[in-house]
Amino acid sequence: MPEKIKLLIVEDEKLMRVGLKALLEAFPIIKVIGEAENGQQSVKLAGELKPDVILMDIGMRIMNGIEATRRIKESYPEIKIFVLTSHITDEQEVMEALTAGASAYAAKDIDTATLVTIIQTISNGAFWLDPNVAKFFMQKSHF
């Protein structure tokens, strides 16, 4: 049996954190190894727990997810970061998250099976971009 993907959940809303943990732990390929409620905690826990993937919110107090992503990737480039946000069409935020080192960017209204597929995909080294974000950028670039 393959090793489980070690996941750290970073989300400032407790109910969302608890819900994500419960949903994701139902999948045998994922092991939630920690939770953080802000970016500062996520940076500390990334170093302590060494997750394979971090599920990262953006809009948090103390340190936002983009800055946390940047700091984590500087110290631990092997950790994959999946930005899960409600700000799906904020062009600047998308670009900042990707530039900071995020491997995936998706809306919080994503279904659970797709969420797990993306976690698995990026843990294997691939990148993933929400189709709505990709469409937005394609239209803006006139491809």
Protein backbone atom coordinates (compact mmCIF):
# COMPACT_ATOMS: atom_id res chain seq x y z
CA MET A 1 0.00 0.00 0.00
CA PRO A 2 1.43 3.44 -0.93
CA GLU A 3 2.33 5.91 1.77
CA LYS A 4 -0.35 8.35 2.81
CA ILE A 5 -0.05 11.99 1.77
CA LYS A 6 0.76 14.00 4.89
CA LEU A 7 -1.45 17.09 4.87
CA LEU A 8 -1.44 20.30 6.91
CA ILE A 9 -4.68 22.32 6.85
CA VAL A 10 -4.33 26.11 7.19
CA GLU A 11 -7.67 27.88 7.59
CA ASP A 12 -8.71 30.66 9.95
CA GLU A 13 -12.34 29.54 10.22
CA LYS A 14 -12.58 26.71 12.75
CA LEU A 15 -15.72 25.16 11.27
CA MET A 16 -14.11 25.03 7.81
CA ARG A 17 -10.93 23.50 9.27
CA VAL A 18 -12.85 20.83 11.15
CA GLY A 19 -15.00 20.09 8.11
CA LEU A 20 -12.02 19.77 5.78
CA LYS A 21 -10.26 17.48 8.22
CA ALA A 22 -13.29 15.22 8.59
CA LEU A 23 -13.86 15.06 4.82
CA LEU A 24 -10.24 14.42 3.91
CA GLU A 25 -9.51 11.85 6.60
CA ALA A 26 -12.23 9.67 5.06
CA PHE A 27 -9.87 9.07 2.12
CA PRO A 28 -7.28 6.34 2.75
CA ILE A 29 -4.54 8.16 0.80
CA ILE A 30 -4.57 11.23 3.11
CA LYS A 31 -3.39 11.70 6.67
CA VAL A 32 -4.09 15.10 8.22
CA ILE A 33 -1.03 15.69 10.42
CA GLY A 34 -1.84 19.19 11.64
CA GLU A 35 -3.95 22.31 11.54
CA ALA A 36 -3.13 26.01 11.70
CA GLU A 37 -5.42 29.02 11.98
CA ASN A 38 -3.04 31.59 10.48
CA GLY A 39 -0.03 31.88 8.23
CA GLN A 40 2.42 32.36 11.07
CA GLN A 41 1.39 29.06 12.64
CA SER A 42 1.59 27.35 9.24
CA VAL A 43 5.22 28.40 8.76
CA LYS A 44 6.11 27.02 12.21
CA LEU A 45 4.19 23.76 11.68
CA ALA A 46 5.61 23.25 8.18
CA GLY A 47 9.08 23.08 9.73
CA GLU A 48 8.02 20.87 12.62
CA LEU A 49 5.70 18.44 10.81
CA LYS A 50 7.17 18.39 7.27
CA PRO A 51 3.88 17.79 5.44
CA ASP A 52 3.83 16.68 1.80
CA VAL A 53 1.02 19.12 1.00
CA ILE A 54 -0.39 22.20 2.72
CA LEU A 55 -3.98 23.21 2.08
CA MET A 56 -3.68 27.01 2.44
CA ASP A 57 -6.33 29.69 2.86
CA ILE A 58 -5.34 33.19 1.77
CA GLY A 59 -7.34 35.66 3.84
CA MET A 60 -6.12 35.18 7.40
CA ARG A 61 -5.13 37.40 10.29
CA ILE A 62 -1.53 37.72 11.56
CA MET A 63 -0.01 36.47 8.27
CA ASN A 64 -1.94 35.84 5.06
CA GLY A 65 -1.61 32.66 3.02
CA ILE A 66 0.44 34.24 0.26
CA GLU A 67 3.17 35.43 2.62
CA ALA A 68 3.06 32.09 4.45
CA THR A 69 3.41 30.27 1.12
CA ARG A 70 6.41 32.41 0.21
CA ARG A 71 8.15 31.74 3.53
CA ILE A 72 7.42 28.02 3.52
CA LYS A 73 8.66 27.56 -0.05
CA GLU A 74 11.87 29.49 0.74
CA SER A 75 12.71 27.11 3.59
CA TYR A 76 11.02 23.91 2.39
CA PRO A 77 10.78 23.91 -1.42
CA GLU A 78 9.73 20.25 -1.44
CA ILE A 79 6.42 21.01 0.31
CA LYS A 80 3.55 21.45 -2.15
CA ILE A 81 1.04 24.20 -1.38
CA PHE A 82 -2.57 24.10 -2.51
CA VAL A 83 -4.29 27.48 -2.20
CA LEU A 84 -7.98 27.02 -1.49
CA THR A 85 -9.81 30.35 -1.54
CA SER A 86 -13.08 32.17 -2.09
CA HIS A 87 -11.25 34.87 -4.14
CA ILE A 88 -11.16 32.93 -7.38
CA THR A 89 -11.11 35.80 -9.88
CA ASP A 90 -8.83 38.23 -8.10
CA GLU A 91 -6.10 38.37 -10.76
CA GLN A 92 -3.48 39.94 -8.49
CA GLU A 93 -4.10 37.40 -5.73
CA VAL A 94 -3.84 34.47 -8.16
CA MET A 95 -0.56 35.78 -9.56
CA GLU A 96 0.86 36.47 -6.09
CA ALA A 97 -0.04 32.96 -4.89
CA LEU A 98 1.52 31.30 -7.93
CA THR A 99 4.62 33.51 -7.74
CA ALA A 100 4.97 32.69 -4.05
CA GLY A 101 5.18 29.01 -4.98
CA ALA A 102 1.67 27.54 -4.87
CA SER A 103 1.26 24.32 -6.87
CA ALA A 104 -2.52 24.55 -7.03
CA TYR A 105 -5.18 27.24 -6.82
CA ALA A 106 -8.90 26.46 -6.50
CA ALA A 107 -12.20 27.78 -5.20
CA LYS A 108 -13.53 26.66 -1.83
CA ASP A 109 -16.73 25.42 -3.45
CA ILE A 110 -14.82 22.53 -5.05
CA ASP A 111 -16.25 19.03 -4.59
CA THR A 112 -14.43 16.65 -2.26
CA ALA A 113 -13.40 14.08 -4.87
CA THR A 114 -11.78 16.79 -7.00
CA LEU A 115 -10.08 18.24 -3.91
CA VAL A 116 -8.51 14.85 -3.15
CA THR A 117 -7.50 14.34 -6.79
CA ILE A 118 -5.74 17.72 -6.81
CA ILE A 119 -3.93 16.95 -3.54
CA GLN A 120 -2.75 13.66 -5.02
CA THR A 121 -1.77 15.30 -8.33
CA ILE A 122 0.35 18.04 -6.78
CA SER A 123 1.95 15.66 -4.28
CA ASN A 124 3.30 13.86 -7.36
CA GLY A 125 4.85 17.09 -8.68
CA ALA A 126 2.19 18.41 -11.06
CA PHE A 127 0.46 21.80 -10.98
CA TRP A 128 -3.28 22.47 -11.03
CA LEU A 129 -5.25 25.64 -11.74
CA ASP A 130 -9.00 26.04 -11.23
CA PRO A 131 -10.66 25.93 -14.68
CA ASN A 132 -12.42 29.23 -13.98
CA VAL A 133 -9.08 30.90 -13.23
CA ALA A 134 -7.50 29.37 -16.33
CA LYS A 135 -10.44 30.55 -18.46
CA PHE A 136 -10.16 34.05 -16.98
CA PHE A 137 -6.46 34.24 -17.84
CA MET A 138 -6.96 32.76 -21.29
CA GLN A 139 -9.62 35.37 -22.11
CA LYS A 140 -7.48 38.17 -20.72
CA SER A 141 -4.46 37.03 -22.74
CA HIS A 142 -6.54 36.61 -25.91
CA PHE A 143 -5.37 33.05 -26.58
